[in-house]
Protein backbone atom coordinates (compact mmCIF):
# COMPACT_ATOMS: atom_id res chain seq x y z
CA MET A 1 -25.73 35.72 -105.45
CA ASP A 2 -22.90 34.15 -107.51
CA LYS A 3 -23.45 33.10 -111.23
CA THR A 4 -22.60 29.38 -110.77
CA ILE A 5 -22.61 26.81 -108.17
CA THR A 6 -18.83 26.69 -108.38
CA ASP A 7 -18.54 30.41 -107.70
CA PHE A 8 -20.90 30.06 -104.73
CA PHE A 9 -19.05 27.21 -103.29
CA ILE A 10 -15.69 28.97 -103.57
CA SER A 11 -17.18 32.08 -101.90
CA LEU A 12 -18.18 29.94 -98.96
CA VAL A 13 -14.95 28.08 -98.34
CA THR A 14 -13.11 31.38 -98.24
CA ILE A 15 -15.11 32.32 -95.02
CA ASN A 16 -13.38 31.18 -91.87
CA SER A 17 -15.65 28.90 -89.92
CA GLU A 18 -13.81 26.42 -87.74
CA SER A 19 -15.94 24.89 -84.96
CA LYS A 20 -17.45 27.49 -82.57
CA ASN A 21 -16.69 30.29 -85.01
CA GLU A 22 -19.50 29.99 -87.52
CA LYS A 23 -21.05 33.54 -87.09
CA THR A 24 -19.65 35.14 -90.23
CA ILE A 25 -20.77 32.38 -92.53
CA ALA A 26 -24.13 32.09 -90.78
CA GLN A 27 -24.80 35.76 -91.41
CA LYS A 28 -23.95 35.35 -95.12
CA LEU A 29 -26.24 32.35 -95.39
CA GLU A 30 -28.93 34.10 -93.57
CA GLU A 31 -28.90 36.89 -96.20
CA ASP A 32 -28.88 34.34 -99.04
CA LEU A 33 -31.84 32.41 -97.59
CA LYS A 34 -33.84 35.60 -97.00
CA LYS A 35 -33.27 36.62 -100.59
CA LEU A 36 -34.75 33.31 -101.70
CA GLY A 37 -37.88 33.98 -99.63
CA ALA A 38 -37.22 32.08 -96.50
CA GLU A 39 -38.34 32.82 -92.90
CA VAL A 40 -35.04 32.67 -91.01
CA GLN A 41 -34.15 32.38 -87.36
CA TYR A 42 -31.43 31.13 -85.01
CA ASP A 43 -31.70 29.08 -81.90
CA ASN A 44 -29.48 29.56 -78.75
CA ALA A 45 -27.47 26.34 -79.05
CA HIS A 46 -24.24 28.35 -78.97
CA GLU A 47 -24.98 29.30 -75.37
CA LYS A 48 -24.38 25.67 -74.43
CA THR A 49 -21.57 24.88 -76.92
CA GLY A 50 -19.33 27.97 -76.33
CA GLY A 51 -19.67 29.09 -79.90
CA ASN A 52 -20.52 32.54 -81.31
CA VAL A 53 -23.82 31.80 -83.14
CA GLY A 54 -26.62 29.30 -82.94
CA ASN A 55 -28.02 26.85 -85.43
CA LEU A 56 -29.48 28.58 -88.49
CA TYR A 57 -33.00 27.54 -89.46
CA ALA A 58 -35.01 28.53 -92.56
CA TYR A 59 -38.60 27.75 -93.59
CA PHE A 60 -39.83 27.90 -97.26
CA THR A 61 -43.52 27.84 -97.81
CA GLY A 62 -44.88 25.73 -100.70
CA ASN A 63 -47.92 25.73 -102.84
CA ILE A 64 -48.53 21.95 -102.43
CA GLU A 65 -50.32 20.81 -99.31
CA LYS A 66 -47.86 18.52 -97.55
CA PRO A 67 -45.66 18.53 -94.48
CA PRO A 68 -42.23 19.99 -95.13
CA ILE A 69 -38.99 17.99 -95.86
CA LEU A 70 -35.81 18.96 -94.12
CA PHE A 71 -32.41 19.55 -95.78
CA CYS A 72 -29.39 19.93 -93.46
CA ALA A 73 -25.67 20.59 -93.51
CA HIS A 74 -23.11 21.81 -91.01
CA MET A 75 -21.43 25.20 -91.03
CA ASP A 76 -18.29 24.40 -89.18
CA THR A 77 -15.01 22.84 -90.47
CA VAL A 78 -12.12 21.03 -88.90
CA THR A 79 -8.73 22.59 -88.60
CA PRO A 80 -6.68 23.86 -90.41
CA GLY A 81 -9.64 25.58 -91.85
CA ASN A 82 -8.79 29.37 -91.89
CA ASN A 83 -7.60 31.37 -94.77
CA ILE A 84 -8.46 28.76 -97.33
CA LYS A 85 -7.27 29.54 -100.93
CA PRO A 86 -9.22 27.47 -103.32
CA GLN A 87 -7.89 26.52 -106.74
CA ILE A 88 -9.21 24.68 -109.63
CA ILE A 89 -7.18 21.91 -111.27
CA ASP A 90 -8.64 19.66 -114.01
CA ASP A 91 -12.17 20.63 -113.03
CA LYS A 92 -11.66 19.77 -109.42
CA ILE A 93 -11.51 22.24 -106.57
CA PHE A 94 -8.63 21.92 -104.09
CA SER A 95 -7.07 24.10 -101.48
CA ASN A 96 -3.43 25.25 -101.97
CA GLY A 97 -2.33 22.40 -99.72
CA SER A 98 -1.77 24.30 -96.48
CA THR A 99 -5.39 23.86 -95.26
CA ILE A 100 -8.36 21.71 -95.75
CA LEU A 101 -10.81 22.74 -98.47
CA GLY A 102 -13.99 22.84 -96.36
CA ALA A 103 -16.03 20.79 -98.82
CA ASP A 104 -16.96 19.14 -95.61
CA ASP A 105 -19.56 20.54 -95.36
CA LYS A 106 -19.72 23.65 -97.45
CA SER A 107 -20.38 21.56 -100.45
CA GLY A 108 -23.64 20.46 -98.77
CA ILE A 109 -24.58 24.01 -97.87
CA ALA A 110 -23.94 25.31 -101.46
CA GLU A 111 -25.84 22.50 -103.06
CA ILE A 112 -28.95 22.93 -100.86
CA ILE A 113 -29.10 26.71 -101.50
CA TRP A 114 -28.44 26.41 -105.16
CA ALA A 115 -31.10 23.73 -105.69
CA ILE A 116 -33.67 25.88 -103.85
CA LYS A 117 -32.58 28.90 -105.96
CA GLU A 118 -33.19 27.00 -109.22
CA ILE A 119 -36.43 25.51 -108.08
CA ARG A 120 -37.79 28.84 -107.07
CA LYS A 121 -36.33 30.69 -110.07
CA ASN A 122 -38.29 28.35 -112.37
CA ASN A 123 -41.50 28.88 -110.35
CA GLU A 124 -41.95 25.14 -109.86
CA ASP A 125 -44.70 23.90 -107.66
CA HIS A 126 -43.34 22.35 -104.51
CA ALA A 127 -44.16 21.26 -101.04
CA PRO A 128 -42.75 23.29 -98.09
CA PHE A 129 -39.29 22.59 -97.04
CA GLU A 130 -36.93 23.40 -94.13
CA VAL A 131 -33.31 24.12 -94.13
CA LEU A 132 -31.03 23.64 -91.13
CA PHE A 133 -27.34 24.64 -91.03
CA THR A 134 -25.88 23.38 -87.73
CA ILE A 135 -22.89 24.50 -85.65
CA SER A 136 -20.13 22.42 -84.03
CA GLU A 137 -20.84 19.15 -85.79
CA GLU A 138 -17.13 18.38 -86.08
CA THR A 139 -16.69 18.72 -82.25
CA GLY A 140 -19.19 16.18 -81.05
CA LEU A 141 -22.33 16.91 -82.92
CA LEU A 142 -22.98 19.76 -80.41
CA GLY A 143 -25.27 21.77 -82.67
CA ALA A 144 -27.61 18.84 -83.24
CA LYS A 145 -27.47 17.90 -79.55
CA HIS A 146 -28.52 21.33 -78.42
CA LEU A 147 -30.96 22.17 -81.36
CA ASP A 148 -34.25 23.71 -80.49
CA TYR A 149 -36.38 20.89 -81.94
CA SER A 150 -39.52 22.79 -81.53
CA LEU A 151 -38.44 24.66 -84.73
CA ILE A 152 -38.60 21.35 -86.85
CA LYS A 153 -41.90 20.58 -88.60
CA SER A 154 -40.53 17.90 -90.92
CA LYS A 155 -40.74 14.13 -90.33
CA ILE A 156 -38.17 13.14 -92.88
CA GLY A 157 -35.03 14.61 -94.53
CA TYR A 158 -31.46 14.44 -95.61
CA ALA A 159 -28.25 15.73 -94.20
CA LEU A 160 -25.88 16.60 -97.08
CA ASP A 161 -22.72 15.32 -95.49
CA GLY A 162 -21.57 12.22 -97.41
CA HIS A 163 -19.52 11.35 -100.40
CA ARG A 164 -20.97 9.79 -103.50
CA VAL A 165 -23.71 11.77 -105.13
CA GLY A 166 -26.97 9.89 -105.40
CA GLN A 167 -26.06 7.47 -102.58
CA ILE A 168 -27.15 7.64 -99.03
CA THR A 169 -26.04 6.29 -95.63
CA VAL A 170 -28.99 4.60 -93.81
CA GLY A 171 -27.25 3.45 -90.72
CA ALA A 172 -24.34 4.36 -88.29
CA PRO A 173 -23.04 3.15 -85.02
CA SER A 174 -23.18 4.26 -81.50
CA GLN A 175 -20.02 5.73 -79.91
CA ASN A 176 -18.75 5.79 -76.39
CA SER A 177 -15.96 8.24 -75.68
CA MET A 178 -13.51 7.28 -72.81
CA LYS A 179 -11.08 9.27 -70.74
CA TYR A 180 -8.80 7.41 -68.37
CA THR A 181 -6.58 9.34 -65.90
CA ILE A 182 -3.88 7.12 -64.44
CA HIS A 183 -2.34 8.21 -61.10
CA GLY A 184 1.18 6.96 -60.36
CA LYS A 185 3.76 8.20 -57.87
CA GLU A 186 6.39 10.85 -58.67
CA SER A 187 10.03 10.40 -57.84
CA HIS A 188 13.48 11.24 -59.15
CA ALA A 189 14.34 8.96 -62.05
CA GLY A 190 18.03 8.84 -61.36
CA VAL A 191 18.25 9.10 -57.53
CA SER A 192 15.36 7.14 -56.31
CA PRO A 193 13.32 5.38 -59.15
CA GLU A 194 12.42 2.66 -56.60
CA GLN A 195 10.24 5.16 -54.85
CA GLY A 196 8.10 5.99 -57.77
CA ILE A 197 5.28 4.31 -59.79
CA ASN A 198 5.50 5.11 -63.47
CA ALA A 199 2.12 6.04 -64.90
CA ILE A 200 3.34 5.82 -68.48
CA LYS A 201 4.46 2.25 -67.89
CA ILE A 202 1.00 1.45 -66.43
CA ALA A 203 -0.62 3.11 -69.43
CA SER A 204 1.62 1.16 -71.81
CA GLU A 205 0.80 -2.18 -70.32
CA ALA A 206 -2.93 -1.52 -70.34
CA ILE A 207 -2.98 -0.23 -73.94
CA ALA A 208 -0.97 -3.30 -75.03
CA ALA A 209 -3.67 -5.49 -73.61
CA MET A 210 -6.68 -3.55 -74.97
CA PRO A 211 -8.78 -4.64 -77.83
CA ILE A 212 -7.91 -2.07 -80.51
CA GLY A 213 -9.01 -1.76 -84.21
CA ARG A 214 -11.83 -3.66 -85.81
CA ILE A 215 -13.30 -6.12 -83.31
CA ASP A 216 -15.87 -7.52 -85.70
CA GLU A 217 -18.13 -6.42 -88.61
CA GLU A 218 -20.17 -4.16 -86.25
CA THR A 219 -17.63 -2.93 -83.72
CA THR A 220 -14.42 -0.91 -83.55
CA CYS A 221 -12.36 0.74 -80.90
CA ASN A 222 -9.22 3.05 -80.80
CA VAL A 223 -6.92 4.72 -78.41
CA GLY A 224 -6.31 8.12 -80.05
CA VAL A 225 -4.64 10.35 -77.34
CA ILE A 226 -2.04 9.70 -74.58
CA LYS A 227 -0.52 12.47 -72.59
CA GLY A 228 1.81 12.43 -69.59
CA GLY A 229 5.09 13.12 -68.10
CA THR A 230 7.01 16.32 -67.69
CA ALA A 231 10.72 15.52 -67.91
CA THR A 232 12.95 12.39 -68.47
CA ASN A 233 14.35 12.73 -64.93
CA ILE A 234 11.02 12.50 -63.23
CA ILE A 235 8.98 9.35 -62.78
CA PRO A 236 5.60 10.41 -64.27
CA ASN A 237 2.77 10.44 -61.81
CA LEU A 238 -0.09 11.25 -64.31
CA VAL A 239 -1.16 9.99 -67.65
CA VAL A 240 -4.37 10.77 -69.58
CA ILE A 241 -5.63 8.37 -72.23
CA LYS A 242 -8.49 9.21 -74.53
CA ALA A 243 -10.18 6.39 -76.42
CA GLU A 244 -13.43 5.42 -78.12
CA ALA A 245 -15.53 2.47 -79.03
CA ARG A 246 -18.17 2.20 -81.73
CA SER A 247 -20.69 -0.43 -82.59
CA HIS A 248 -24.01 -0.96 -84.27
CA ASN A 249 -24.86 -3.33 -81.46
CA GLU A 250 -25.44 -1.81 -78.03
CA ASP A 251 -24.54 -4.89 -76.21
CA LYS A 252 -21.22 -5.25 -78.03
CA LEU A 253 -20.53 -1.51 -77.41
CA LYS A 254 -21.01 -2.01 -73.74
CA GLN A 255 -18.91 -5.18 -73.68
CA VAL A 256 -15.92 -3.67 -75.45
CA THR A 257 -16.03 -0.44 -73.41
CA GLU A 258 -16.07 -2.47 -70.17
CA GLN A 259 -13.15 -4.63 -71.49
CA MET A 260 -11.04 -1.53 -72.09
CA SER A 261 -11.83 -0.15 -68.66
CA ASN A 262 -11.27 -3.44 -66.96
CA VAL A 263 -7.80 -3.75 -68.55
CA LEU A 264 -6.90 -0.47 -66.90
CA LEU A 265 -8.31 -1.34 -63.53
CA LYS A 266 -6.22 -4.61 -63.61
CA ALA A 267 -3.09 -2.79 -64.65
CA VAL A 268 -3.15 -0.20 -61.87
CA GLY A 269 -4.09 -2.83 -59.35
CA LYS A 270 -0.66 -4.46 -59.67
CA TYR A 271 1.20 -1.28 -58.62
CA LYS A 272 1.38 -0.50 -54.97
CA LEU A 273 4.26 1.15 -53.05
CA ASP A 274 4.00 1.20 -49.21
CA ASP A 275 0.64 2.91 -48.50
CA PHE A 276 0.32 4.25 -52.04
CA GLN A 277 -1.91 2.40 -54.51
CA ALA A 278 -1.98 3.49 -58.22
CA LYS A 279 -5.42 4.20 -59.50
CA VAL A 280 -7.37 5.29 -62.59
CA ASP A 281 -10.22 7.61 -62.95
CA ILE A 282 -12.68 6.40 -65.56
CA GLU A 283 -15.03 8.82 -67.50
CA ILE A 284 -17.31 7.35 -70.19
CA GLU A 285 -19.67 9.53 -72.22
CA LYS A 286 -22.21 8.50 -74.88
CA SER A 287 -21.16 10.57 -77.93
CA TYR A 288 -24.10 9.54 -80.12
CA TRP A 289 -26.57 6.66 -80.71
CA ALA A 290 -26.82 4.21 -83.58
CA PHE A 291 -29.61 4.38 -86.23
CA LYS A 292 -30.67 2.12 -89.03
CA LEU A 293 -33.38 3.06 -91.49
CA LYS A 294 -35.60 0.35 -93.05
CA ASP A 295 -36.89 0.37 -96.63
CA ASP A 296 -39.13 3.40 -96.11
CA ASP A 297 -40.02 6.73 -97.65
CA VAL A 298 -36.55 8.27 -97.03
CA ILE A 299 -34.77 5.53 -98.93
CA LEU A 300 -37.42 5.21 -101.68
CA LEU A 301 -37.51 8.90 -102.35
CA ALA A 302 -33.62 9.03 -102.62
CA LYS A 303 -33.70 6.02 -104.91
CA LYS A 304 -36.38 7.58 -107.26
CA ALA A 305 -34.48 10.88 -107.37
CA SER A 306 -31.25 9.03 -108.29
CA GLU A 307 -33.00 7.03 -110.99
CA ASN A 308 -34.48 10.23 -112.45
CA CYS A 309 -30.93 11.63 -112.69
CA GLY A 310 -29.38 8.50 -114.11
CA PHE A 311 -27.22 8.10 -111.09
CA GLU A 312 -26.18 4.78 -109.50
CA PHE A 313 -28.07 4.36 -106.33
CA LYS A 314 -26.74 2.48 -103.29
CA THR A 315 -27.32 2.50 -99.61
CA ASN A 316 -24.61 1.85 -97.09
CA ILE A 317 -24.01 1.52 -93.38
CA GLY A 318 -21.52 4.01 -92.17
CA GLY A 319 -18.76 3.69 -89.57
CA GLY A 320 -18.88 7.29 -88.25
CA GLY A 321 -21.23 9.59 -86.62
CA SER A 322 -23.01 12.67 -87.94
CA ASP A 323 -25.89 15.02 -87.09
CA VAL A 324 -28.19 12.35 -88.41
CA ASN A 325 -27.44 10.06 -85.43
CA ILE A 326 -28.87 12.72 -83.14
CA PHE A 327 -31.84 13.61 -85.44
CA ASN A 328 -33.06 10.07 -85.57
CA VAL A 329 -32.91 9.73 -81.86
CA HIS A 330 -35.27 12.76 -81.83
CA GLY A 331 -37.79 11.13 -84.10
CA LEU A 332 -36.68 12.55 -87.42
CA LYS A 333 -36.20 9.90 -90.09
CA MET A 334 -33.08 11.10 -91.85
CA ALA A 335 -30.27 9.71 -94.02
CA VAL A 336 -26.92 11.11 -94.90
CA ALA A 337 -26.65 12.04 -98.64
CA GLY A 338 -23.50 12.36 -100.63
CA THR A 339 -22.19 15.71 -101.92
CA GLY A 340 -19.10 14.70 -103.81
CA MET A 341 -16.51 15.65 -101.16
CA GLU A 342 -13.35 13.50 -101.14
CA LYS A 343 -10.36 13.05 -98.73
CA VAL A 344 -12.05 15.16 -96.15
CA HIS A 345 -10.26 16.22 -92.96
CA THR A 346 -6.97 16.40 -94.93
CA VAL A 347 -5.16 19.04 -96.83
CA ASP A 348 -5.73 16.90 -99.87
CA GLU A 349 -9.49 17.37 -99.73
CA TYR A 350 -11.14 18.17 -103.00
CA ILE A 351 -14.50 18.05 -104.90
CA ALA A 352 -15.27 17.73 -108.61
CA ILE A 353 -17.26 20.58 -110.05
CA SER A 354 -19.44 17.95 -111.86
CA ASP A 355 -20.38 16.52 -108.45
CA LEU A 356 -21.44 20.00 -107.25
CA GLU A 357 -23.63 20.27 -110.28
CA ASN A 358 -24.94 16.72 -110.03
CA CYS A 359 -25.89 16.99 -106.34
CA VAL A 360 -27.92 20.15 -107.25
CA LYS A 361 -29.69 18.14 -109.87
CA TRP A 362 -30.26 15.30 -107.37
CA LEU A 363 -31.62 17.67 -104.74
CA LYS A 364 -34.02 19.22 -107.17
CA GLU A 365 -35.30 15.77 -108.08
CA VAL A 366 -35.91 14.90 -104.42
CA ILE A 367 -37.92 18.09 -104.02
CA ARG A 368 -39.93 17.29 -107.14
CA GLU A 369 -40.60 13.68 -106.20
CA TYR A 370 -41.45 14.52 -102.69
CA SER A 371 -43.93 17.27 -103.93
CA ARG A 372 -45.55 14.80 -106.29
CA THR A 373 -46.25 11.89 -103.98
């Protein structure tokens, strides 16, 4: 294994692992985990996600009689995430600007493995712990959704997939994903526009009337994709809109989702030509469910570890989803912990070397404190 956490992290980000193509990095991590003494196995989640490898699970025995604690990160990256060329500038690691860096979430992977390496190298007494590296987190939390939960023995844990080191996210919203397919009527735009119903026009009217952006302190919604039309001389007969709504309150989520759908139903209802009625097909999918942790052992453990390290400790309620949304639905009490990653999902993404080192320090304190109590 590499000599420093920086070297190890850089070795990971140079491995291509965009969503559904995590096999190469999984094999490398499998080897690293086995060298550290873990029992390693994969599940078959990829058979349901269309990927090339399943979730990677590892179990480390301990010499303190306690249930294990779980540490998780995801192996996939967003695009453009291939052929990353990392560079160090002023003690921060960037890509060369043509790709993301992949600190989301290879910083979490590197920090988990490095903390375990140092704990075991020093022969420290510790409780058992589990490591889970998931697939396809960036494409709908698919690895967590299709995880073989019979593998997991822990009741609490942390997903290393946040920003500030020493701070944790203890709540996140539910999300509905919507797909609206508007059917208009095709006609020649120059010869017979009166005989067409323009699906783009319907979509435009509907979107203009939709609630978009921040609705209140708990709720947001957005239209992110609109596709339709084939040529300027053809009245478009089909438009697809993709949208989302998020809320920490299920009633509000239902309300704003219905409001967006009803706007579309009203818009298409106004357009009829002879025996043709414009229509919209509505597909709504629950992407993930909200969670909110109370002042319990997950929060108190993270707080104590942060204090031991001299880090500022804060909790926050997030606005996005992660594997933790799915884990909490399955009865695992988990929070999202910060790794130091910044400007993720952009070509300006970076991480400070000091944050890589500090997160390793924090994780070791989590393991030590958990093992003591």
